[in-house]
């Protein structure tokens, strides 16, 4: 039986948080995590789901999945080495 490698280590709910604060909070949370750990972020539709995944990829992290849930999205982000 193999474990799912995409099980989140941590989750933050940023629904209702406006840009750019949702990216800032995501970035700060990723900085507290170890390389390879996975963060699940809940984001609103519109600017948040367009901007946050692109911004974390620009920071060098990996977006593993974006999943629609009712009126929000769950984004899985793997923390990459920042060196």
N, C-alpha and C. Protein backbone atom coordinates (compact mmCIF):
# COMPACT_ATOMS: atom_id res chain seq x y z
N UNK A 1 0.85 -1.18 0.00
CA UNK A 1 0.00 0.00 0.00
C UNK A 1 0.89 1.24 0.00
N UNK A 2 0.80 2.07 -1.04
CA UNK A 2 1.66 3.25 -1.12
C UNK A 2 0.91 4.47 -0.59
N UNK A 3 1.67 5.35 0.07
CA UNK A 3 1.08 6.58 0.59
C UNK A 3 0.95 7.59 -0.54
N UNK A 4 -0.09 8.42 -0.47
CA UNK A 4 -0.26 9.49 -1.44
C UNK A 4 0.79 10.57 -1.14
N UNK A 5 1.68 10.86 -2.09
CA UNK A 5 2.72 11.86 -1.82
C UNK A 5 2.19 13.29 -1.76
N UNK A 6 0.94 13.50 -2.16
CA UNK A 6 0.37 14.85 -2.19
C UNK A 6 -0.53 15.15 -0.99
N UNK A 7 -0.31 14.46 0.11
CA UNK A 7 -1.09 14.74 1.32
C UNK A 7 -0.53 16.01 1.96
N UNK A 8 -1.37 17.03 2.16
CA UNK A 8 -0.87 18.30 2.71
C UNK A 8 -0.30 18.15 4.12
N UNK A 9 0.79 18.86 4.36
CA UNK A 9 1.38 18.96 5.68
C UNK A 9 0.65 20.01 6.50
N UNK A 10 0.17 21.05 5.81
CA UNK A 10 -0.52 22.16 6.47
C UNK A 10 -1.58 22.71 5.53
N UNK A 11 -2.55 23.43 6.11
CA UNK A 11 -3.60 24.05 5.30
C UNK A 11 -3.89 25.44 5.84
N UNK A 12 -4.11 26.39 4.92
CA UNK A 12 -4.56 27.72 5.32
C UNK A 12 -5.77 28.10 4.49
N UNK A 13 -6.73 28.72 5.15
CA UNK A 13 -7.97 29.14 4.49
C UNK A 13 -7.89 30.64 4.26
N UNK A 14 -7.72 31.02 3.00
CA UNK A 14 -7.59 32.44 2.66
C UNK A 14 -8.80 32.95 1.89
N UNK A 15 -9.93 32.27 2.03
CA UNK A 15 -11.15 32.76 1.42
C UNK A 15 -11.52 34.08 2.09
N UNK A 16 -11.85 35.07 1.27
CA UNK A 16 -12.20 36.38 1.80
C UNK A 16 -11.00 37.30 1.99
N UNK A 17 -9.79 36.79 1.75
CA UNK A 17 -8.58 37.60 1.88
C UNK A 17 -8.25 38.16 0.49
N UNK A 18 -8.04 39.48 0.42
CA UNK A 18 -7.82 40.13 -0.88
C UNK A 18 -6.35 40.07 -1.29
N UNK A 19 -6.13 40.22 -2.61
CA UNK A 19 -4.78 40.33 -3.15
C UNK A 19 -4.20 41.67 -2.72
N UNK A 20 -2.93 41.78 -2.40
CA UNK A 20 -1.92 40.72 -2.44
C UNK A 20 -1.74 40.00 -1.12
N UNK A 21 -2.63 40.24 -0.15
CA UNK A 21 -2.44 39.66 1.18
C UNK A 21 -2.51 38.13 1.17
N UNK A 22 -3.35 37.57 0.27
CA UNK A 22 -3.43 36.11 0.23
C UNK A 22 -2.10 35.51 -0.24
N UNK A 23 -1.41 36.15 -1.18
CA UNK A 23 -0.09 35.67 -1.59
C UNK A 23 0.92 35.84 -0.47
N UNK A 24 0.90 36.99 0.19
CA UNK A 24 1.85 37.25 1.28
C UNK A 24 1.69 36.20 2.37
N UNK A 25 0.45 35.90 2.75
CA UNK A 25 0.20 34.90 3.80
C UNK A 25 0.65 33.51 3.34
N UNK A 26 0.43 33.20 2.05
CA UNK A 26 0.88 31.91 1.51
C UNK A 26 2.40 31.82 1.55
N UNK A 27 3.06 32.88 1.12
CA UNK A 27 4.53 32.90 1.10
C UNK A 27 5.10 32.76 2.51
N UNK A 28 4.53 33.48 3.46
CA UNK A 28 5.01 33.41 4.85
C UNK A 28 4.83 32.00 5.41
N UNK A 29 3.70 31.36 5.11
CA UNK A 29 3.47 30.00 5.59
C UNK A 29 4.48 29.04 4.96
N UNK A 30 4.73 29.17 3.65
CA UNK A 30 5.71 28.30 2.99
C UNK A 30 7.10 28.47 3.60
N UNK A 31 7.44 29.68 4.02
CA UNK A 31 8.76 29.92 4.61
C UNK A 31 8.95 29.18 5.94
N UNK A 32 7.85 28.82 6.61
CA UNK A 32 7.95 28.09 7.88
C UNK A 32 8.01 26.58 7.67
N UNK A 33 7.84 26.14 6.43
CA UNK A 33 7.77 24.71 6.13
C UNK A 33 9.11 24.19 5.61
N UNK A 34 9.28 22.87 5.67
CA UNK A 34 10.50 22.25 5.17
C UNK A 34 10.34 21.91 3.69
N UNK A 35 11.47 21.81 3.01
CA UNK A 35 11.47 21.44 1.59
C UNK A 35 10.73 20.12 1.41
N UNK A 36 9.85 20.08 0.40
CA UNK A 36 9.10 18.86 0.10
C UNK A 36 7.75 18.78 0.80
N UNK A 37 7.53 19.60 1.83
CA UNK A 37 6.23 19.60 2.49
C UNK A 37 5.20 20.26 1.58
N UNK A 38 3.93 19.90 1.79
CA UNK A 38 2.86 20.38 0.92
C UNK A 38 1.87 21.23 1.71
N UNK A 39 1.57 22.39 1.13
CA UNK A 39 0.62 23.33 1.72
C UNK A 39 -0.65 23.33 0.89
N UNK A 40 -1.78 23.19 1.56
CA UNK A 40 -3.09 23.31 0.92
C UNK A 40 -3.61 24.70 1.23
N UNK A 41 -3.95 25.45 0.17
CA UNK A 41 -4.43 26.82 0.33
C UNK A 41 -5.83 26.90 -0.26
N UNK A 42 -6.77 27.43 0.51
CA UNK A 42 -8.13 27.67 0.01
C UNK A 42 -8.22 29.12 -0.44
N UNK A 43 -8.60 29.30 -1.71
CA UNK A 43 -8.65 30.63 -2.32
C UNK A 43 -9.99 30.88 -2.99
N UNK A 44 -10.35 32.15 -3.06
CA UNK A 44 -11.56 32.55 -3.79
C UNK A 44 -11.32 32.50 -5.29
N UNK A 45 -12.41 32.47 -6.04
CA UNK A 45 -12.37 32.57 -7.49
C UNK A 45 -11.93 33.98 -7.87
N UNK A 46 -11.53 34.18 -9.11
CA UNK A 46 -11.15 35.51 -9.58
C UNK A 46 -9.66 35.75 -9.42
N UNK A 47 -9.31 36.97 -8.99
CA UNK A 47 -7.90 37.33 -8.86
C UNK A 47 -7.10 36.37 -7.99
N UNK A 48 -7.61 35.93 -6.83
CA UNK A 48 -6.79 35.04 -6.00
C UNK A 48 -6.35 33.77 -6.72
N UNK A 49 -7.26 33.08 -7.40
CA UNK A 49 -6.87 31.82 -8.05
C UNK A 49 -6.02 32.09 -9.29
N UNK A 50 -6.11 33.26 -9.87
CA UNK A 50 -5.24 33.60 -11.01
C UNK A 50 -3.84 34.01 -10.54
N UNK A 51 -3.76 34.75 -9.45
CA UNK A 51 -2.49 35.36 -9.05
C UNK A 51 -1.64 34.53 -8.10
N UNK A 52 -2.25 33.89 -7.10
CA UNK A 52 -1.46 33.19 -6.07
C UNK A 52 -0.66 32.02 -6.67
N UNK A 53 -1.27 31.11 -7.44
CA UNK A 53 -0.47 30.01 -8.00
C UNK A 53 0.69 30.51 -8.87
N UNK A 54 0.45 31.51 -9.69
CA UNK A 54 1.52 32.05 -10.54
C UNK A 54 2.63 32.66 -9.69
N UNK A 55 2.25 33.38 -8.64
CA UNK A 55 3.24 34.03 -7.79
C UNK A 55 4.09 33.03 -7.02
N UNK A 56 3.48 31.95 -6.51
CA UNK A 56 4.30 30.96 -5.77
C UNK A 56 5.23 30.22 -6.73
N UNK A 57 4.78 29.99 -7.97
CA UNK A 57 5.69 29.38 -8.96
C UNK A 57 6.85 30.32 -9.27
N UNK A 58 6.58 31.62 -9.34
CA UNK A 58 7.65 32.59 -9.56
C UNK A 58 8.64 32.59 -8.41
N UNK A 59 8.20 32.19 -7.23
CA UNK A 59 9.08 32.09 -6.06
C UNK A 59 9.87 30.78 -6.06
N UNK A 60 9.56 29.89 -7.01
CA UNK A 60 10.32 28.63 -7.11
C UNK A 60 9.63 27.42 -6.53
N UNK A 61 8.39 27.56 -6.08
CA UNK A 61 7.65 26.42 -5.53
C UNK A 61 6.85 25.74 -6.64
N UNK A 62 6.31 24.56 -6.35
CA UNK A 62 5.59 23.79 -7.36
C UNK A 62 4.11 23.71 -7.01
N UNK A 63 3.25 24.12 -7.96
CA UNK A 63 1.81 23.95 -7.79
C UNK A 63 1.47 22.56 -8.30
N UNK A 64 1.01 21.70 -7.39
CA UNK A 64 0.72 20.30 -7.72
C UNK A 64 -0.69 20.12 -8.27
N UNK A 65 -1.64 20.92 -7.77
CA UNK A 65 -3.03 20.75 -8.18
C UNK A 65 -3.83 21.99 -7.85
N UNK A 66 -4.88 22.21 -8.65
CA UNK A 66 -5.88 23.23 -8.35
C UNK A 66 -7.23 22.55 -8.52
N UNK A 67 -8.00 22.54 -7.44
CA UNK A 67 -9.26 21.80 -7.43
C UNK A 67 -10.39 22.74 -7.05
N UNK A 68 -11.43 22.79 -7.87
CA UNK A 68 -12.60 23.63 -7.57
C UNK A 68 -13.44 22.96 -6.50
N UNK A 69 -13.88 23.75 -5.53
CA UNK A 69 -14.75 23.28 -4.46
C UNK A 69 -15.82 24.33 -4.21
N UNK A 70 -17.05 24.05 -4.58
CA UNK A 70 -18.14 25.01 -4.41
C UNK A 70 -17.75 26.37 -4.97
N UNK A 71 -17.59 27.37 -4.10
CA UNK A 71 -17.28 28.73 -4.55
C UNK A 71 -15.83 29.10 -4.29
N UNK A 72 -14.97 28.10 -4.18
CA UNK A 72 -13.56 28.36 -3.87
C UNK A 72 -12.70 27.33 -4.60
N UNK A 73 -11.39 27.46 -4.40
CA UNK A 73 -10.43 26.52 -4.97
C UNK A 73 -9.48 26.04 -3.87
N UNK A 74 -9.04 24.79 -3.99
CA UNK A 74 -7.97 24.26 -3.14
C UNK A 74 -6.75 24.12 -4.03
N UNK A 75 -5.66 24.74 -3.62
CA UNK A 75 -4.41 24.67 -4.37
C UNK A 75 -3.38 23.94 -3.50
N UNK A 76 -2.74 22.92 -4.07
CA UNK A 76 -1.68 22.20 -3.37
C UNK A 76 -0.34 22.69 -3.88
N UNK A 77 0.50 23.13 -2.95
CA UNK A 77 1.80 23.72 -3.30
C UNK A 77 2.89 22.95 -2.55
N UNK A 78 3.89 22.46 -3.31
CA UNK A 78 5.03 21.80 -2.67
C UNK A 78 6.13 22.82 -2.44
N UNK A 79 6.59 22.86 -1.20
CA UNK A 79 7.69 23.78 -0.81
C UNK A 79 8.97 23.27 -1.44
N UNK A 80 9.61 24.13 -2.21
CA UNK A 80 10.89 23.79 -2.81
C UNK A 80 12.00 24.52 -2.09
N UNK A 81 13.22 24.04 -2.25
CA UNK A 81 14.37 24.67 -1.64
C UNK A 81 14.52 26.09 -2.18
N UNK A 82 14.68 27.05 -1.31
CA UNK A 82 14.72 28.45 -1.74
C UNK A 82 16.13 28.97 -2.04
N UNK A 83 17.12 28.10 -1.94
CA UNK A 83 18.51 28.55 -2.20
C UNK A 83 18.79 28.75 -3.66
